[in-house]
Structures are given as structure tokens and as C-alpha cells.
């Protein structure tokens, strides 16, 4: 599966699914976004079992505001509906590959336990 364009109307359809979702918050005028875009898109082609979504911050201002996007590109990862990574700035291909593997390897039972202990 290649990447999908995500809007405010479709966000929950993707974010509430089990599995992994990577989000690239970007804008057409952003130089670093243009550098990271091909890396993100190549990863989408390479990992068809993961959903890769692009969010145009100019067209989807509500989503950008909701996630307090202050700098682009911003990369976010969700696993089983839980945000497990959120960072501004472009990545090189090797770094992104490492992040993808790290998210794959996350023990979500442990993540949920950590969240529950912080909420107490």
C-alpha cells in the first residue's frame, strides 16, 4: 500500500485501527518536507502492512492545530491507536527505517501498562 492523504474527515478511520500508522505533517512550501517526502513515500511502498498517511497542514489546519504542530515536517507514529512517537524535523532514510523497526518491536502491553501507571 502506498501512502494515503488524510483529512479531518478520515483521520479517525485510520487512527483508531489496530496496527501501525505513520503520519507526515507537511506543506507544499516547506523545503525539508520536500526532502523527506520521497523517503516517507518509499517507506510506504516498502512496508505494505503499515499505513502511511500524509497530512497537508495548509489544507488541514484543524488537524495541525489539534496536534499542536508548530514545525514541519513533523512525524507521528501510532500503534494500536496510541501515539508512540512524535517529533518535528526531517529524517534520513536509515533513521526512518530504524524508527519503523522500533515501532514494530514495541511491546504494546508494556506501553499500556506504562500509561496506566502514569494515570494513577
C-alpha atoms as a PDB file:
ATOM      1  CA  UNK A   1       0.000   0.000   0.000  1.00  0.00           C
ATOM      2  CA  UNK A   2       1.294   3.427  -0.874  1.00  0.00           C
ATOM      3  CA  UNK A   3       0.593   6.432   1.320  1.00  0.00           C
ATOM      4  CA  UNK A   4      -2.857   7.966   1.802  1.00  0.00           C
ATOM      5  CA  UNK A   5      -3.839  11.607   2.138  1.00  0.00           C
ATOM      6  CA  UNK A   6      -5.552  12.049   5.486  1.00  0.00           C
ATOM      7  CA  UNK A   7      -8.115  14.734   6.238  1.00  0.00           C
ATOM      8  CA  UNK A   8     -10.034  15.731   9.334  1.00  0.00           C
ATOM      9  CA  UNK A   9     -12.942  13.676   7.982  1.00  0.00           C
ATOM     10  CA  UNK A  10     -10.872  10.494   7.546  1.00  0.00           C
ATOM     11  CA  UNK A  11      -8.421  10.798  10.446  1.00  0.00           C
ATOM     12  CA  UNK A  12     -10.324   8.668  12.969  1.00  0.00           C
ATOM     13  CA  UNK A  13     -10.880   5.943  10.375  1.00  0.00           C
ATOM     14  CA  UNK A  14      -7.117   5.447  10.285  1.00  0.00           C
ATOM     15  CA  UNK A  15      -6.077   6.425  13.817  1.00  0.00           C
ATOM     16  CA  UNK A  16      -8.479   4.091  15.609  1.00  0.00           C
ATOM     17  CA  UNK A  17      -7.365   0.944  13.782  1.00  0.00           C
ATOM     18  CA  UNK A  18      -5.117  -1.703  15.234  1.00  0.00           C
ATOM     19  CA  UNK A  19      -1.687  -1.751  13.671  1.00  0.00           C
ATOM     20  CA  UNK A  20       0.811   0.942  12.812  1.00  0.00           C
ATOM     21  CA  UNK A  21       0.106   4.358  11.349  1.00  0.00           C
ATOM     22  CA  UNK A  22       2.822   6.854  10.426  1.00  0.00           C
ATOM     23  CA  UNK A  23       1.743  10.446   9.831  1.00  0.00           C
ATOM     24  CA  UNK A  24       3.744  13.043   7.918  1.00  0.00           C
ATOM     25  CA  UNK A  25       2.556  16.589   8.634  1.00  0.00           C
ATOM     26  CA  UNK A  26       3.830  18.691   5.735  1.00  0.00           C
ATOM     27  CA  UNK A  27       3.179  21.693   3.472  1.00  0.00           C
ATOM     28  CA  UNK A  28       3.959  22.325  -0.174  1.00  0.00           C
ATOM     29  CA  UNK A  29       6.124  25.390   0.555  1.00  0.00           C
ATOM     30  CA  UNK A  30       8.331  23.536   3.084  1.00  0.00           C
ATOM     31  CA  UNK A  31      11.813  22.665   1.796  1.00  0.00           C
ATOM     32  CA  UNK A  32      12.598  19.997   4.428  1.00  0.00           C
ATOM     33  CA  UNK A  33       9.157  18.466   3.747  1.00  0.00           C
ATOM     34  CA  UNK A  34      10.084  18.119   0.081  1.00  0.00           C
ATOM     35  CA  UNK A  35      13.321  16.384   1.090  1.00  0.00           C
ATOM     36  CA  UNK A  36      11.576  13.980   3.495  1.00  0.00           C
ATOM     37  CA  UNK A  37       8.560  13.297   1.254  1.00  0.00           C
ATOM     38  CA  UNK A  38      10.316  10.803  -1.069  1.00  0.00           C
ATOM     39  CA  UNK A  39      11.783   8.959   1.952  1.00  0.00           C
ATOM     40  CA  UNK A  40       8.312   8.668   3.507  1.00  0.00           C
ATOM     41  CA  UNK A  41       6.756   7.565   0.225  1.00  0.00           C
ATOM     42  CA  UNK A  42       9.481   4.958  -0.403  1.00  0.00           C
ATOM     43  CA  UNK A  43       8.907   3.536   3.081  1.00  0.00           C
ATOM     44  CA  UNK A  44       5.179   3.315   2.322  1.00  0.00           C
ATOM     45  CA  UNK A  45       5.940   1.235  -0.755  1.00  0.00           C
ATOM     46  CA  UNK A  46       8.418  -0.932   1.182  1.00  0.00           C
ATOM     47  CA  UNK A  47       6.074  -1.670   4.138  1.00  0.00           C
ATOM     48  CA  UNK A  48       2.617  -2.502   2.731  1.00  0.00           C
ATOM     49  CA  UNK A  49       1.418  -3.783   6.131  1.00  0.00           C
ATOM     50  CA  UNK A  50       1.758  -0.294   7.652  1.00  0.00           C
ATOM     51  CA  UNK A  51      -0.469   2.683   6.873  1.00  0.00           C
ATOM     52  CA  UNK A  52       1.448   5.823   5.900  1.00  0.00           C
ATOM     53  CA  UNK A  53      -0.617   8.996   5.881  1.00  0.00           C
ATOM     54  CA  UNK A  54       0.255  12.486   4.747  1.00  0.00           C
ATOM     55  CA  UNK A  55      -1.486  15.492   6.284  1.00  0.00           C
ATOM     56  CA  UNK A  56      -1.190  18.786   4.411  1.00  0.00           C
ATOM     57  CA  UNK A  57      -1.054  21.341   7.229  1.00  0.00           C
ATOM     58  CA  UNK A  58      -2.265  24.123   4.926  1.00  0.00           C
ATOM     59  CA  UNK A  59      -5.408  22.234   3.901  1.00  0.00           C
ATOM     60  CA  UNK A  60      -5.950  20.520   7.269  1.00  0.00           C
ATOM     61  CA  UNK A  61      -5.406  23.346   9.732  1.00  0.00           C
ATOM     62  CA  UNK A  62      -7.770  21.747  12.282  1.00  0.00           C
ATOM     63  CA  UNK A  63      -5.662  18.591  12.476  1.00  0.00           C
ATOM     64  CA  UNK A  64      -2.434  20.576  12.651  1.00  0.00           C
ATOM     65  CA  UNK A  65      -3.864  22.693  15.483  1.00  0.00           C
ATOM     66  CA  UNK A  66      -5.234  19.644  17.310  1.00  0.00           C
ATOM     67  CA  UNK A  67      -1.774  18.053  17.368  1.00  0.00           C
ATOM     68  CA  UNK A  68      -0.093  21.404  18.100  1.00  0.00           C
ATOM     69  CA  UNK A  69       2.092  21.188  15.016  1.00  0.00           C
ATOM     70  CA  UNK A  70       4.486  24.121  15.276  1.00  0.00           C
ATOM     71  CA  UNK A  71       7.194  22.961  12.887  1.00  0.00           C
ATOM     72  CA  UNK A  72       7.107  20.859   9.746  1.00  0.00           C
ATOM     73  CA  UNK A  73       7.769  18.270   8.746  1.00  0.00           C
ATOM     74  CA  UNK A  74       6.505  16.571  11.871  1.00  0.00           C
ATOM     75  CA  UNK A  75       6.395  12.806  12.015  1.00  0.00           C
ATOM     76  CA  UNK A  76       3.998  10.938  14.272  1.00  0.00           C
ATOM     77  CA  UNK A  77       3.527   7.212  14.805  1.00  0.00           C
ATOM     78  CA  UNK A  78       0.533   5.458  16.303  1.00  0.00           C
ATOM     79  CA  UNK A  79       0.371   1.803  17.178  1.00  0.00           C
ATOM     80  CA  UNK A  80      -2.972   0.259  18.051  1.00  0.00           C
ATOM     81  CA  UNK A  81      -4.420   3.762  18.340  1.00  0.00           C
ATOM     82  CA  UNK A  82      -1.790   5.064  20.782  1.00  0.00           C
ATOM     83  CA  UNK A  83       0.682   7.814  19.860  1.00  0.00           C
ATOM     84  CA  UNK A  84       4.103   6.242  20.384  1.00  0.00           C
ATOM     85  CA  UNK A  85       6.291   8.773  18.540  1.00  0.00           C
ATOM     86  CA  UNK A  86       6.024  12.495  17.794  1.00  0.00           C
ATOM     87  CA  UNK A  87       8.935  14.554  16.514  1.00  0.00           C
ATOM     88  CA  UNK A  88       9.486  17.590  14.321  1.00  0.00           C
ATOM     89  CA  UNK A  89      12.176  17.541  11.656  1.00  0.00           C
ATOM     90  CA  UNK A  90      13.096  15.530   8.606  1.00  0.00           C
ATOM     91  CA  UNK A  91      14.837  12.163   8.883  1.00  0.00           C
ATOM     92  CA  UNK A  92      17.290  10.418   6.646  1.00  0.00           C
ATOM     93  CA  UNK A  93      16.181   7.091   5.164  1.00  0.00           C
ATOM     94  CA  UNK A  94      18.261   4.983   7.551  1.00  0.00           C
ATOM     95  CA  UNK A  95      16.909   6.816  10.581  1.00  0.00           C
ATOM     96  CA  UNK A  96      13.347   6.326   9.383  1.00  0.00           C
ATOM     97  CA  UNK A  97      13.988   2.615   8.782  1.00  0.00           C
ATOM     98  CA  UNK A  98      15.243   2.309  12.373  1.00  0.00           C
ATOM     99  CA  UNK A  99      12.170   4.121  13.678  1.00  0.00           C
ATOM    100  CA  UNK A 100       9.852   1.854  11.698  1.00  0.00           C
ATOM    101  CA  UNK A 101      11.554  -1.206  13.185  1.00  0.00           C
ATOM    102  CA  UNK A 102      11.441   0.271  16.704  1.00  0.00           C
ATOM    103  CA  UNK A 103       7.690   0.874  16.399  1.00  0.00           C
ATOM    104  CA  UNK A 104       7.206  -2.660  15.054  1.00  0.00           C
ATOM    105  CA  UNK A 105       9.123  -4.028  18.063  1.00  0.00           C
ATOM    106  CA  UNK A 106       7.174  -2.099  20.707  1.00  0.00           C
ATOM    107  CA  UNK A 107       5.520  -4.263  23.339  1.00  0.00           C
ATOM    108  CA  UNK A 108       2.094  -2.666  23.457  1.00  0.00           C
ATOM    109  CA  UNK A 109       1.133  -4.474  26.654  1.00  0.00           C
ATOM    110  CA  UNK A 110       4.055  -2.739  28.331  1.00  0.00           C
ATOM    111  CA  UNK A 111       3.126   0.603  26.731  1.00  0.00           C
ATOM    112  CA  UNK A 112      -0.438   0.277  28.041  1.00  0.00           C
ATOM    113  CA  UNK A 113       0.859  -0.673  31.494  1.00  0.00           C
ATOM    114  CA  UNK A 114       3.155   2.372  31.498  1.00  0.00           C
ATOM    115  CA  UNK A 115       0.257   4.634  30.533  1.00  0.00           C
ATOM    116  CA  UNK A 116      -1.959   3.131  33.229  1.00  0.00           C
ATOM    117  CA  UNK A 117       0.701   3.608  35.909  1.00  0.00           C
ATOM    118  CA  UNK A 118       1.147   7.278  34.938  1.00  0.00           C
ATOM    119  CA  UNK A 119      -2.602   7.847  35.141  1.00  0.00           C
ATOM    120  CA  UNK A 120      -2.757   6.616  38.751  1.00  0.00           C
END
